[in-house]
Each structure stands twice: as structure tokens, then as C-alpha cells.
Amino acid sequence: LFSNIEDGQGLQLFEQGHRTAHKQECHTMEAVRLVEFNLKQVLTKLMTHIFGDGLQVRWVDCYFPFTHPSFEMEINFQGEWLEVLGCGVMEQQLVNSAGAQDKIGWAFGLGLERLAMILYDIPDIRLFWSEDERFLKQFIVPHISQKIKFQPLSRYPPLINDISFWLPSEPYSKNDFYDLARTIGGDLIEKVVLVDEFTHPK
């Protein structure tokens, strides 16, 4: 942690101190500042990689049970501040219980659904628990780098009606039937398609 710090040989990771809003009782202020700087630098680079250069980022102090100090990262996306992840310096008690008493570390967690909502313009997080094929098929692409833009779905469940009927001998236009179906069905009818025609030879 202190290898790139000038005159860093005398710096320590741990001390017997007091817990404050900025550090745990067992960490030195120097160690916490460096870990916090590393945490914010890495996560800012991660978001810049996802959303592109010029991304505005801000950090908000918050509380999580397994880190202290703790932060939320917000990004300015299309004119709005959006919270994308939570992070912080790991509680040393957890690190010690994992057998790494001589280490200090940081942790983060990000909501993948929220990132996907931003990247693909998905308006409702509840769609991620949908089993609707109209939603799921939009994300089946031949290459992982292919751009995807979410196509809005009908609020009604998918329902297909196949209708077969005899045509009159006088002139008939398929558009007349389309108009009739839409007149009766209104907005419930999304698409009317002629699938097949057959004329009996007799």
C-alpha cells in the first residue's frame, strides 16, 4: 500500500485508535486515505469504461454493515444523477475472520439490472424477472459486442388467433378485413397478417 509513497517506510496499516466517521478504530488515517483513493480510482475507471470518457461522477457518504467508511457512487447520465454502486473499506473484523489479519481491503457491489436499464433503455426493473419471450429474445444476439436497443412491449400478454374463412366470389380486399378487425378490436389488435391463401381447383 505504501510502496509508491515517498518516505513511506514509517507508515503503518494499523493502530489502536478510535472509530470516527472517516476510519475504523484499528486503521491508521494514512492507510484509509490510500485505500479509499484506490477504491474510487478503480471504480471510476470501471464506469468510464462502460459509459465512456467525460462521465461525471460524484461520491455520497452512506452506511453499509460490512464496510466503513462507506460510499455510494452516482453518475450523471442523460442529465440525471443515478446511483450505480455501493462500496467502502472492509470492516477489519471480517478480514481478520478470513485469516488475513495483516491485510486491509475494500469491497463494492453494483446492481447489474440498473446498469442494464441504463445501457439498453429498459424503463422498468420488473422486466428482468419476466419470462416473456418478447423481452428475452431481444437479448439473444450472435455476438456479445452487438449493440442492443430495447424495443417496448405491449402491456398485454402475447396472444395469437388464427382465423380461417371462405372468401366471397365477388372482389375482396384483405385490407377490408384488416380494417374490420381493428375497428372491432381497437388497440388490442397489434398486427393482422395474411399467412396463406388457397384456391381449390374445383
N, C-alpha and C. Protein backbone atom coordinates (compact mmCIF):
# COMPACT_ATOMS: atom_id res chain seq x y z
N LEU A 1 0.83 -1.21 0.00
CA LEU A 1 0.00 0.00 0.00
C LEU A 1 0.86 1.26 0.00
N PHE A 2 1.99 1.19 0.70
CA PHE A 2 2.82 2.38 0.84
C PHE A 2 4.04 2.36 -0.09
N SER A 3 4.10 1.41 -1.01
CA SER A 3 5.32 1.24 -1.83
C SER A 3 5.59 2.43 -2.73
N ASN A 4 4.56 3.15 -3.17
CA ASN A 4 4.77 4.29 -4.06
C ASN A 4 4.78 5.63 -3.32
N ILE A 5 4.78 5.57 -2.00
CA ILE A 5 4.76 6.79 -1.20
C ILE A 5 6.19 7.15 -0.80
N GLU A 6 6.55 8.38 -1.05
CA GLU A 6 7.88 8.84 -0.64
C GLU A 6 7.98 8.84 0.88
N ASP A 7 9.08 8.29 1.40
CA ASP A 7 9.27 8.13 2.85
C ASP A 7 8.12 7.34 3.47
N GLY A 8 7.65 6.31 2.75
CA GLY A 8 6.53 5.53 3.25
C GLY A 8 6.91 4.41 4.19
N GLN A 9 8.23 4.24 4.43
CA GLN A 9 8.68 3.12 5.27
C GLN A 9 8.14 3.21 6.70
N GLY A 10 7.93 4.42 7.19
CA GLY A 10 7.48 4.58 8.57
C GLY A 10 5.97 4.51 8.73
N LEU A 11 5.23 4.36 7.64
CA LEU A 11 3.77 4.35 7.72
C LEU A 11 3.26 2.96 8.11
N GLN A 12 2.15 2.92 8.83
CA GLN A 12 1.58 1.68 9.33
C GLN A 12 0.14 1.51 8.84
N LEU A 13 -0.28 0.25 8.71
CA LEU A 13 -1.67 -0.04 8.38
C LEU A 13 -2.57 0.09 9.60
N PHE A 14 -2.07 -0.34 10.75
CA PHE A 14 -2.93 -0.49 11.92
C PHE A 14 -2.45 0.36 13.10
N GLU A 15 -3.41 0.68 13.96
CA GLU A 15 -3.15 1.38 15.22
C GLU A 15 -4.26 1.04 16.20
N GLN A 16 -4.07 1.35 17.43
CA GLN A 16 -5.13 1.24 18.43
C GLN A 16 -5.70 2.63 18.64
N GLY A 17 -6.72 2.97 17.91
CA GLY A 17 -7.27 4.32 17.97
C GLY A 17 -8.75 4.30 18.26
N HIS A 18 -9.46 5.29 17.73
CA HIS A 18 -10.89 5.41 17.94
C HIS A 18 -11.60 5.43 16.58
N ARG A 19 -12.81 4.87 16.55
CA ARG A 19 -13.61 4.91 15.33
C ARG A 19 -14.18 6.31 15.15
N THR A 20 -14.03 6.83 13.94
CA THR A 20 -14.60 8.13 13.60
C THR A 20 -15.44 7.97 12.35
N ALA A 21 -16.00 9.04 11.85
CA ALA A 21 -16.79 8.99 10.60
C ALA A 21 -15.91 8.64 9.40
N HIS A 22 -14.58 8.81 9.55
CA HIS A 22 -13.66 8.65 8.42
C HIS A 22 -12.84 7.37 8.46
N LYS A 23 -12.84 6.66 9.61
CA LYS A 23 -11.99 5.46 9.70
C LYS A 23 -12.44 4.55 10.82
N GLN A 24 -11.97 3.29 10.73
CA GLN A 24 -12.19 2.32 11.80
C GLN A 24 -11.14 2.52 12.89
N GLU A 25 -11.43 2.00 14.06
CA GLU A 25 -10.52 2.20 15.20
C GLU A 25 -9.16 1.55 15.00
N CYS A 26 -9.09 0.50 14.18
CA CYS A 26 -7.83 -0.24 14.03
C CYS A 26 -6.98 0.24 12.86
N HIS A 27 -7.51 1.12 12.00
CA HIS A 27 -6.78 1.58 10.82
C HIS A 27 -6.14 2.94 11.06
N THR A 28 -4.97 3.14 10.47
CA THR A 28 -4.38 4.48 10.51
C THR A 28 -5.05 5.35 9.45
N MET A 29 -5.04 6.64 9.66
CA MET A 29 -5.67 7.56 8.70
C MET A 29 -4.96 7.48 7.35
N GLU A 30 -3.62 7.31 7.35
CA GLU A 30 -2.87 7.22 6.09
C GLU A 30 -3.32 6.01 5.27
N ALA A 31 -3.49 4.87 5.95
CA ALA A 31 -3.90 3.65 5.25
C ALA A 31 -5.30 3.81 4.66
N VAL A 32 -6.21 4.36 5.45
CA VAL A 32 -7.59 4.53 4.97
C VAL A 32 -7.65 5.47 3.78
N ARG A 33 -6.90 6.57 3.85
CA ARG A 33 -6.91 7.53 2.74
C ARG A 33 -6.41 6.88 1.45
N LEU A 34 -5.35 6.08 1.54
CA LEU A 34 -4.81 5.43 0.35
C LEU A 34 -5.77 4.37 -0.19
N VAL A 35 -6.36 3.58 0.70
CA VAL A 35 -7.31 2.56 0.26
C VAL A 35 -8.53 3.21 -0.38
N GLU A 36 -9.03 4.28 0.23
CA GLU A 36 -10.18 5.00 -0.31
C GLU A 36 -9.87 5.59 -1.69
N PHE A 37 -8.66 6.14 -1.83
CA PHE A 37 -8.25 6.70 -3.12
C PHE A 37 -8.21 5.61 -4.19
N ASN A 38 -7.64 4.46 -3.85
CA ASN A 38 -7.54 3.34 -4.79
C ASN A 38 -8.92 2.84 -5.19
N LEU A 39 -9.79 2.69 -4.21
CA LEU A 39 -11.17 2.24 -4.43
C LEU A 39 -11.88 3.16 -5.43
N LYS A 40 -11.83 4.46 -5.16
CA LYS A 40 -12.55 5.41 -6.02
C LYS A 40 -11.95 5.50 -7.41
N GLN A 41 -10.64 5.39 -7.48
CA GLN A 41 -9.96 5.45 -8.79
C GLN A 41 -10.34 4.25 -9.66
N VAL A 42 -10.31 3.05 -9.08
CA VAL A 42 -10.62 1.84 -9.84
C VAL A 42 -12.08 1.84 -10.29
N LEU A 43 -13.00 2.19 -9.39
CA LEU A 43 -14.42 2.15 -9.74
C LEU A 43 -14.80 3.26 -10.73
N THR A 44 -14.12 4.40 -10.65
CA THR A 44 -14.36 5.45 -11.64
C THR A 44 -13.91 4.98 -13.02
N LYS A 45 -12.77 4.28 -13.08
CA LYS A 45 -12.30 3.75 -14.36
C LYS A 45 -13.26 2.69 -14.91
N LEU A 46 -13.81 1.89 -14.01
CA LEU A 46 -14.78 0.88 -14.44
C LEU A 46 -15.99 1.53 -15.10
N MET A 47 -16.56 2.55 -14.46
CA MET A 47 -17.74 3.21 -15.02
C MET A 47 -17.41 3.97 -16.31
N THR A 48 -16.22 4.56 -16.37
CA THR A 48 -15.80 5.25 -17.58
C THR A 48 -15.67 4.27 -18.73
N HIS A 49 -15.19 3.06 -18.43
CA HIS A 49 -15.07 2.03 -19.46
C HIS A 49 -16.45 1.65 -19.99
N ILE A 50 -17.44 1.60 -19.10
CA ILE A 50 -18.79 1.20 -19.51
C ILE A 50 -19.51 2.33 -20.25
N PHE A 51 -19.43 3.56 -19.70
CA PHE A 51 -20.24 4.66 -20.22
C PHE A 51 -19.49 5.65 -21.08
N GLY A 52 -18.16 5.56 -21.12
CA GLY A 52 -17.39 6.45 -21.99
C GLY A 52 -16.72 7.58 -21.24
N ASP A 53 -15.73 8.18 -21.91
CA ASP A 53 -14.98 9.29 -21.32
C ASP A 53 -15.88 10.50 -21.09
N GLY A 54 -15.47 11.36 -20.17
CA GLY A 54 -16.24 12.56 -19.88
C GLY A 54 -17.38 12.32 -18.91
N LEU A 55 -17.44 11.13 -18.33
CA LEU A 55 -18.52 10.79 -17.39
C LEU A 55 -18.34 11.59 -16.09
N GLN A 56 -19.42 12.21 -15.63
CA GLN A 56 -19.40 12.92 -14.36
C GLN A 56 -19.74 11.95 -13.24
N VAL A 57 -18.90 11.93 -12.21
CA VAL A 57 -19.08 11.01 -11.09
C VAL A 57 -19.10 11.82 -9.80
N ARG A 58 -19.94 11.41 -8.85
CA ARG A 58 -19.87 12.00 -7.52
C ARG A 58 -20.04 10.90 -6.48
N TRP A 59 -19.45 11.14 -5.31
CA TRP A 59 -19.46 10.16 -4.22
C TRP A 59 -20.30 10.69 -3.07
N VAL A 60 -21.13 9.82 -2.52
CA VAL A 60 -22.02 10.20 -1.42
C VAL A 60 -21.70 9.29 -0.23
N ASP A 61 -21.47 9.89 0.95
CA ASP A 61 -21.25 9.10 2.16
C ASP A 61 -22.52 8.34 2.51
N CYS A 62 -22.37 7.09 2.92
CA CYS A 62 -23.54 6.31 3.31
C CYS A 62 -23.14 5.24 4.32
N TYR A 63 -24.05 4.33 4.61
CA TYR A 63 -23.77 3.27 5.59
C TYR A 63 -24.04 1.91 4.96
N PHE A 64 -23.09 0.99 5.15
CA PHE A 64 -23.28 -0.42 4.85
C PHE A 64 -22.75 -1.21 6.04
N PRO A 65 -23.34 -2.34 6.38
CA PRO A 65 -22.91 -3.05 7.59
C PRO A 65 -21.53 -3.69 7.51
N PHE A 66 -20.99 -3.89 6.30
CA PHE A 66 -19.72 -4.61 6.18
C PHE A 66 -18.55 -3.72 5.78
N THR A 67 -18.79 -2.43 5.63
CA THR A 67 -17.71 -1.50 5.28
C THR A 67 -17.81 -0.23 6.11
N HIS A 68 -16.64 0.41 6.32
CA HIS A 68 -16.58 1.71 6.99
C HIS A 68 -15.20 2.32 6.74
N PRO A 69 -15.13 3.54 6.18
CA PRO A 69 -16.23 4.35 5.68
C PRO A 69 -16.87 3.73 4.43
N SER A 70 -18.09 4.16 4.15
CA SER A 70 -18.86 3.61 3.02
C SER A 70 -19.32 4.73 2.11
N PHE A 71 -19.45 4.41 0.83
CA PHE A 71 -19.82 5.42 -0.17
C PHE A 71 -20.78 4.83 -1.19
N GLU A 72 -21.57 5.70 -1.79
CA GLU A 72 -22.33 5.36 -2.99
C GLU A 72 -21.77 6.18 -4.14
N MET A 73 -21.67 5.55 -5.28
CA MET A 73 -21.22 6.26 -6.48
C MET A 73 -22.43 6.62 -7.33
N GLU A 74 -22.49 7.88 -7.73
CA GLU A 74 -23.54 8.33 -8.62
C GLU A 74 -22.90 8.83 -9.90
N ILE A 75 -23.57 8.58 -11.03
CA ILE A 75 -23.09 9.09 -12.31
C ILE A 75 -24.16 9.98 -12.92
N ASN A 76 -23.70 10.96 -13.68
CA ASN A 76 -24.63 11.83 -14.39
C ASN A 76 -24.85 11.23 -15.76
N PHE A 77 -26.06 10.69 -15.96
CA PHE A 77 -26.38 10.03 -17.22
C PHE A 77 -27.63 10.66 -17.79
N GLN A 78 -27.49 11.24 -18.98
CA GLN A 78 -28.59 11.91 -19.68
C GLN A 78 -29.26 12.95 -18.78
N GLY A 79 -28.42 13.72 -18.06
CA GLY A 79 -28.91 14.83 -17.25
C GLY A 79 -29.44 14.46 -15.88
N GLU A 80 -29.36 13.18 -15.51
CA GLU A 80 -29.86 12.76 -14.20
C GLU A 80 -28.74 12.08 -13.42
N TRP A 81 -28.72 12.30 -12.08
CA TRP A 81 -27.78 11.61 -11.21
C TRP A 81 -28.39 10.27 -10.83
N LEU A 82 -27.65 9.17 -11.16
CA LEU A 82 -28.12 7.82 -10.89
C LEU A 82 -27.13 7.10 -10.00
N GLU A 83 -27.63 6.46 -8.95
CA GLU A 83 -26.75 5.67 -8.07
C GLU A 83 -26.50 4.33 -8.74
N VAL A 84 -25.21 3.97 -8.90
CA VAL A 84 -24.89 2.74 -9.62
C VAL A 84 -24.21 1.68 -8.76
N LEU A 85 -23.61 2.09 -7.64
CA LEU A 85 -22.96 1.07 -6.81
C LEU A 85 -22.72 1.60 -5.40
N GLY A 86 -22.49 0.66 -4.49
CA GLY A 86 -22.09 0.97 -3.13
C GLY A 86 -20.73 0.33 -2.86
N CYS A 87 -19.94 0.94 -1.97
CA CYS A 87 -18.59 0.44 -1.73
C CYS A 87 -18.06 0.97 -0.40
N GLY A 88 -16.87 0.53 -0.03
CA GLY A 88 -16.26 1.04 1.18
C GLY A 88 -15.06 0.21 1.61
N VAL A 89 -14.38 0.69 2.67
CA VAL A 89 -13.25 -0.03 3.26
C VAL A 89 -13.84 -1.16 4.11
N MET A 90 -13.37 -2.37 3.86
CA MET A 90 -13.96 -3.53 4.54
C MET A 90 -13.77 -3.46 6.05
N GLU A 91 -14.78 -3.87 6.80
CA GLU A 91 -14.67 -3.97 8.24
C GLU A 91 -13.54 -4.95 8.56
N GLN A 92 -12.57 -4.50 9.35
CA GLN A 92 -11.39 -5.32 9.62
C GLN A 92 -11.74 -6.63 10.32
N GLN A 93 -12.81 -6.63 11.09
CA GLN A 93 -13.23 -7.84 11.78
C GLN A 93 -13.55 -8.96 10.78
N LEU A 94 -14.15 -8.59 9.62
CA LEU A 94 -14.42 -9.58 8.57
C LEU A 94 -13.14 -10.08 7.94
N VAL A 95 -12.22 -9.16 7.68
CA VAL A 95 -10.94 -9.54 7.08
C VAL A 95 -10.19 -10.47 8.02
N ASN A 96 -10.18 -10.15 9.31
CA ASN A 96 -9.49 -10.99 10.30
C ASN A 96 -10.11 -12.38 10.36
N SER A 97 -11.44 -12.44 10.30
CA SER A 97 -12.11 -13.74 10.41
C SER A 97 -11.83 -14.63 9.20
N ALA A 98 -11.38 -14.01 8.10
CA ALA A 98 -10.99 -14.78 6.92
C ALA A 98 -9.52 -15.18 6.96
N GLY A 99 -8.83 -14.86 8.06
CA GLY A 99 -7.43 -15.25 8.21
C GLY A 99 -6.45 -14.31 7.54
N ALA A 100 -6.87 -13.08 7.28
CA ALA A 100 -5.98 -12.11 6.61
C ALA A 100 -5.74 -10.91 7.53
N GLN A 101 -5.29 -11.18 8.76
CA GLN A 101 -5.16 -10.13 9.77
C GLN A 101 -4.19 -9.02 9.40
N ASP A 102 -3.25 -9.32 8.50
CA ASP A 102 -2.25 -8.32 8.12
C ASP A 102 -2.64 -7.57 6.85
N LYS A 103 -3.89 -7.71 6.43
CA LYS A 103 -4.35 -7.07 5.19
C LYS A 103 -5.43 -6.03 5.49
N ILE A 104 -5.58 -5.12 4.53
CA ILE A 104 -6.68 -4.15 4.55
C ILE A 104 -7.25 -4.12 3.14
N GLY A 105 -8.55 -3.98 3.02
CA GLY A 105 -9.12 -4.08 1.68
C GLY A 105 -10.39 -3.28 1.52
N TRP A 106 -10.89 -3.27 0.29
CA TRP A 106 -12.16 -2.60 0.01
C TRP A 106 -13.08 -3.52 -0.76
N ALA A 107 -14.36 -3.20 -0.70
CA ALA A 107 -15.38 -4.03 -1.35
C ALA A 107 -16.38 -3.14 -2.06
N PHE A 108 -17.04 -3.71 -3.06
CA PHE A 108 -18.10 -2.96 -3.74
C PHE A 108 -19.16 -3.92 -4.24
N GLY A 109 -20.33 -3.40 -4.48
CA GLY A 109 -21.40 -4.18 -5.08
C GLY A 109 -22.18 -3.28 -6.02
N LEU A 110 -22.44 -3.77 -7.21
CA LEU A 110 -23.20 -2.95 -8.15
C LEU A 110 -24.40 -3.72 -8.66
N GLY A 111 -25.48 -3.01 -8.90
CA GLY A 111 -26.71 -3.62 -9.40
C GLY A 111 -26.63 -3.79 -10.90
N LEU A 112 -26.47 -5.02 -11.34
CA LEU A 112 -26.35 -5.26 -12.79
C LEU A 112 -27.61 -4.86 -13.53
N GLU A 113 -28.78 -5.06 -12.88
CA GLU A 113 -30.03 -4.68 -13.54
C GLU A 113 -30.07 -3.19 -13.82
N ARG A 114 -29.59 -2.41 -12.83
CA ARG A 114 -29.63 -0.95 -13.02
C ARG A 114 -28.71 -0.52 -14.16
N LEU A 115 -27.53 -1.13 -14.25
CA LEU A 115 -26.63 -0.82 -15.36
C LEU A 115 -27.27 -1.21 -16.69
N ALA A 116 -27.90 -2.38 -16.72
CA ALA A 116 -28.55 -2.82 -17.96
C ALA A 116 -29.69 -1.88 -18.34
N MET A 117 -30.43 -1.39 -17.34
CA MET A 117 -31.52 -0.45 -17.62
C MET A 117 -30.98 0.80 -18.31
N ILE A 118 -29.82 1.28 -17.83
CA ILE A 118 -29.22 2.48 -18.40
C ILE A 118 -28.69 2.19 -19.81
N LEU A 119 -27.95 1.09 -19.95
CA LEU A 119 -27.29 0.79 -21.22
C LEU A 119 -28.28 0.46 -22.33
N TYR A 120 -29.42 -0.18 -21.99
CA TYR A 120 -30.35 -0.64 -23.02
C TYR A 120 -31.66 0.13 -23.02
N ASP A 121 -31.77 1.19 -22.21
CA ASP A 121 -33.01 1.99 -22.14
C ASP A 121 -34.22 1.15 -21.74
N ILE A 122 -34.03 0.28 -20.75
CA ILE A 122 -35.14 -0.53 -20.24
C ILE A 122 -35.85 0.28 -19.17
N PRO A 123 -37.15 0.55 -19.32
CA PRO A 123 -37.82 1.50 -18.43
C PRO A 123 -38.25 0.95 -17.07
N ASP A 124 -38.39 -0.38 -16.95
CA ASP A 124 -38.98 -0.95 -15.74
C ASP A 124 -38.13 -2.13 -15.26
N ILE A 125 -37.62 -2.04 -14.02
CA ILE A 125 -36.74 -3.10 -13.49
C ILE A 125 -37.47 -4.44 -13.38
N ARG A 126 -38.80 -4.42 -13.28
CA ARG A 126 -39.56 -5.67 -13.15
C ARG A 126 -39.47 -6.55 -14.39
N LEU A 127 -39.09 -5.97 -15.52
CA LEU A 127 -38.94 -6.76 -16.73
C LEU A 127 -37.85 -7.83 -16.61
N PHE A 128 -36.89 -7.62 -15.71
CA PHE A 128 -35.79 -8.59 -15.56
C PHE A 128 -36.27 -9.91 -14.97
N TRP A 129 -37.44 -9.92 -14.35
CA TRP A 129 -37.99 -11.16 -13.81
C TRP A 129 -39.07 -11.73 -14.73
N SER A 130 -39.20 -11.14 -15.90
CA SER A 130 -40.20 -11.57 -16.86
C SER A 130 -39.75 -12.85 -17.56
N GLU A 131 -40.70 -13.71 -17.89
CA GLU A 131 -40.41 -14.88 -18.72
C GLU A 131 -41.01 -14.69 -20.12
N ASP A 132 -41.38 -13.46 -20.42
CA ASP A 132 -41.99 -13.13 -21.70
C ASP A 132 -40.94 -13.24 -22.81
N GLU A 133 -41.22 -14.11 -23.78
CA GLU A 133 -40.27 -14.31 -24.88
C GLU A 133 -40.00 -13.03 -25.66
N ARG A 134 -40.99 -12.13 -25.71
CA ARG A 134 -40.79 -10.88 -26.46
C ARG A 134 -39.69 -10.04 -25.83
N PHE A 135 -39.50 -10.16 -24.52
CA PHE A 135 -38.40 -9.46 -23.83
C PHE A 135 -37.11 -10.26 -23.95
N LEU A 136 -37.16 -11.54 -23.64
CA LEU A 136 -35.94 -12.35 -23.58
C LEU A 136 -35.24 -12.46 -24.94
N LYS A 137 -36.02 -12.59 -26.02
CA LYS A 137 -35.42 -12.77 -27.35
C LYS A 137 -34.66 -11.54 -27.83
N GLN A 138 -34.96 -10.38 -27.26
CA GLN A 138 -34.25 -9.17 -27.68
C GLN A 138 -32.78 -9.22 -27.31
N PHE A 139 -32.42 -10.09 -26.35
CA PHE A 139 -31.05 -10.11 -25.86
C PHE A 139 -30.30 -11.36 -26.29
N ILE A 140 -30.88 -12.09 -27.24
CA ILE A 140 -30.17 -13.22 -27.85
C ILE A 140 -29.56 -12.71 -29.15
N VAL A 141 -28.25 -12.48 -29.12
CA VAL A 141 -27.56 -11.92 -30.29
C VAL A 141 -26.38 -12.82 -30.64
N PRO A 142 -25.96 -12.81 -31.91
CA PRO A 142 -24.87 -13.70 -32.32
C PRO A 142 -23.51 -13.32 -31.73
N HIS A 143 -23.32 -12.03 -31.39
CA HIS A 143 -22.02 -11.61 -30.86
C HIS A 143 -22.22 -10.73 -29.64
N ILE A 144 -21.39 -10.94 -28.60
CA ILE A 144 -21.57 -10.24 -27.33
C ILE A 144 -21.41 -8.73 -27.46
N SER A 145 -20.67 -8.27 -28.46
CA SER A 145 -20.45 -6.83 -28.63
C SER A 145 -21.53 -6.15 -29.46
N GLN A 146 -22.49 -6.91 -29.96
CA GLN A 146 -23.55 -6.33 -30.78
C GLN A 146 -24.39 -5.36 -29.96
N LYS A 147 -24.66 -4.20 -30.52
CA LYS A 147 -25.48 -3.19 -29.84
C LYS A 147 -26.93 -3.66 -29.75
N ILE A 148 -27.51 -3.44 -28.57
CA ILE A 148 -28.91 -3.82 -28.34
C ILE A 148 -29.67 -2.59 -27.88
N LYS A 149 -30.83 -2.36 -28.47
CA LYS A 149 -31.72 -1.28 -28.02
C LYS A 149 -33.06 -1.92 -27.68
N PHE A 150 -33.50 -1.74 -26.46
CA PHE A 150 -34.74 -2.35 -26.00
C PHE A 150 -35.92 -1.85 -26.83
N GLN A 151 -36.75 -2.79 -27.27
CA GLN A 151 -37.98 -2.46 -28.00
C GLN A 151 -39.15 -2.61 -27.04
N PRO A 152 -39.94 -1.55 -26.85
CA PRO A 152 -41.06 -1.62 -25.90
C PRO A 152 -42.03 -2.76 -26.23
N LEU A 153 -42.62 -3.30 -25.17
CA LEU A 153 -43.56 -4.40 -25.31
C LEU A 153 -44.98 -3.91 -25.10
N SER A 154 -45.91 -4.67 -25.62
CA SER A 154 -47.31 -4.41 -25.31
C SER A 154 -47.54 -4.69 -23.83
N ARG A 155 -48.47 -3.97 -23.23
CA ARG A 155 -48.79 -4.26 -21.82
C ARG A 155 -49.65 -5.49 -21.70
N TYR A 156 -50.13 -6.01 -22.83
CA TYR A 156 -50.95 -7.21 -22.82
C TYR A 156 -50.09 -8.44 -23.09
N PRO A 157 -50.46 -9.59 -22.54
CA PRO A 157 -49.69 -10.80 -22.82
C PRO A 157 -49.84 -11.21 -24.28
N PRO A 158 -48.83 -11.89 -24.82
CA PRO A 158 -48.93 -12.28 -26.23
C PRO A 158 -50.05 -13.29 -26.44
N LEU A 159 -50.84 -13.09 -27.48
CA LEU A 159 -51.95 -13.98 -27.81
C LEU A 159 -52.10 -13.98 -29.33
N ILE A 160 -52.08 -15.16 -29.90
CA ILE A 160 -52.19 -15.27 -31.36
C ILE A 160 -53.48 -16.00 -31.69
N ASN A 161 -54.30 -15.42 -32.58
CA ASN A 161 -55.52 -16.06 -33.06
C ASN A 161 -55.36 -16.32 -34.55
N ASP A 162 -55.50 -17.57 -34.95
CA ASP A 162 -55.51 -17.92 -36.37
C ASP A 162 -56.97 -18.03 -36.82
N ILE A 163 -57.32 -17.31 -37.88
CA ILE A 163 -58.69 -17.32 -38.37
C ILE A 163 -58.68 -17.80 -39.83
N SER A 164 -59.53 -18.77 -40.11
CA SER A 164 -59.68 -19.25 -41.50
C SER A 164 -61.13 -19.03 -41.92
N PHE A 165 -61.35 -18.59 -43.15
CA PHE A 165 -62.72 -18.41 -43.64
C PHE A 165 -62.75 -18.45 -45.16
N TRP A 166 -63.98 -18.73 -45.68
CA TRP A 166 -64.19 -18.72 -47.12
C TRP A 166 -64.32 -17.28 -47.58
N LEU A 167 -63.77 -17.02 -48.76
CA LEU A 167 -63.91 -15.68 -49.33
C LEU A 167 -65.08 -15.66 -50.30
N PRO A 168 -65.78 -14.55 -50.36
CA PRO A 168 -66.90 -14.44 -51.33
C PRO A 168 -66.37 -14.42 -52.75
N SER A 169 -67.26 -14.73 -53.69
CA SER A 169 -66.83 -14.77 -55.09
C SER A 169 -66.60 -13.37 -55.65
N GLU A 170 -67.32 -12.37 -55.09
CA GLU A 170 -67.10 -11.01 -55.59
C GLU A 170 -65.74 -10.50 -55.11
N PRO A 171 -65.25 -9.41 -55.71
CA PRO A 171 -63.91 -8.90 -55.35
C PRO A 171 -63.78 -8.65 -53.84
N TYR A 172 -62.60 -9.04 -53.33
CA TYR A 172 -62.34 -8.93 -51.88
C TYR A 172 -60.95 -8.35 -51.69
N SER A 173 -60.82 -7.41 -50.77
CA SER A 173 -59.51 -6.83 -50.44
C SER A 173 -59.15 -7.23 -49.01
N LYS A 174 -57.96 -7.76 -48.82
CA LYS A 174 -57.55 -8.16 -47.47
C LYS A 174 -57.52 -6.96 -46.52
N ASN A 175 -57.28 -5.75 -47.06
CA ASN A 175 -57.28 -4.56 -46.21
C ASN A 175 -58.65 -4.29 -45.60
N ASP A 176 -59.73 -4.72 -46.29
CA ASP A 176 -61.07 -4.57 -45.72
C ASP A 176 -61.20 -5.38 -44.43
N PHE A 177 -60.63 -6.61 -44.44
CA PHE A 177 -60.70 -7.43 -43.23
C PHE A 177 -59.82 -6.84 -42.13
N TYR A 178 -58.63 -6.34 -42.51
CA TYR A 178 -57.74 -5.72 -41.51
C TYR A 178 -58.47 -4.57 -40.82
N ASP A 179 -59.12 -3.73 -41.61
CA ASP A 179 -59.86 -2.58 -41.05
C ASP A 179 -60.98 -3.05 -40.13
N LEU A 180 -61.67 -4.10 -40.54
CA LEU A 180 -62.76 -4.63 -39.74
C LEU A 180 -62.23 -5.13 -38.38
N ALA A 181 -61.11 -5.88 -38.41
CA ALA A 181 -60.53 -6.41 -37.17
C ALA A 181 -60.10 -5.27 -36.24
N ARG A 182 -59.47 -4.25 -36.82
CA ARG A 182 -59.00 -3.12 -35.99
C ARG A 182 -60.16 -2.28 -35.47
N THR A 183 -61.23 -2.17 -36.24
CA THR A 183 -62.40 -1.41 -35.80
C THR A 183 -63.03 -2.07 -34.58
N ILE A 184 -63.13 -3.39 -34.62
CA ILE A 184 -63.75 -4.11 -33.51
C ILE A 184 -62.78 -4.26 -32.33
N GLY A 185 -61.53 -4.62 -32.64
CA GLY A 185 -60.56 -4.89 -31.57
C GLY A 185 -59.88 -3.67 -31.01
N GLY A 186 -59.89 -2.57 -31.74
CA GLY A 186 -59.25 -1.34 -31.27
C GLY A 186 -57.77 -1.53 -30.99
N ASP A 187 -57.29 -0.97 -29.87
CA ASP A 187 -55.86 -1.03 -29.53
C ASP A 187 -55.41 -2.42 -29.10
N LEU A 188 -56.35 -3.33 -28.87
CA LEU A 188 -55.96 -4.70 -28.51
C LEU A 188 -55.32 -5.43 -29.68
N ILE A 189 -55.66 -5.00 -30.89
CA ILE A 189 -55.10 -5.62 -32.09
C ILE A 189 -53.80 -4.90 -32.44
N GLU A 190 -52.70 -5.64 -32.41
CA GLU A 190 -51.41 -5.02 -32.74
C GLU A 190 -50.98 -5.30 -34.17
N LYS A 191 -51.35 -6.47 -34.68
CA LYS A 191 -50.91 -6.81 -36.03
C LYS A 191 -51.88 -7.81 -36.64
N VAL A 192 -52.21 -7.61 -37.91
CA VAL A 192 -53.03 -8.55 -38.65
C VAL A 192 -52.23 -8.94 -39.89
N VAL A 193 -52.02 -10.25 -40.08
CA VAL A 193 -51.17 -10.71 -41.17
C VAL A 193 -51.86 -11.83 -41.92
N LEU A 194 -51.82 -11.75 -43.26
CA LEU A 194 -52.30 -12.85 -44.09
C LEU A 194 -51.20 -13.90 -44.17
N VAL A 195 -51.48 -15.10 -43.66
CA VAL A 195 -50.46 -16.15 -43.61
C VAL A 195 -50.47 -17.01 -44.87
N ASP A 196 -51.67 -17.35 -45.38
CA ASP A 196 -51.73 -18.26 -46.51
C ASP A 196 -53.04 -18.09 -47.28
N GLU A 197 -53.00 -18.36 -48.56
CA GLU A 197 -54.21 -18.35 -49.41
C GLU A 197 -54.25 -19.66 -50.17
N PHE A 198 -55.44 -20.19 -50.36
CA PHE A 198 -55.58 -21.44 -51.10
C PHE A 198 -56.86 -21.37 -51.94
N THR A 199 -56.73 -21.69 -53.21
CA THR A 199 -57.90 -21.75 -54.09
C THR A 199 -58.06 -23.21 -54.56
N HIS A 200 -59.23 -23.79 -54.22
CA HIS A 200 -59.49 -25.17 -54.61
C HIS A 200 -59.67 -25.24 -56.12
N PRO A 201 -59.05 -26.19 -56.76
CA PRO A 201 -59.13 -26.24 -58.23
C PRO A 201 -60.56 -26.42 -58.76
N LYS A 202 -61.48 -26.99 -57.96
CA LYS A 202 -62.86 -27.16 -58.42
C LYS A 202 -63.70 -25.94 -58.12
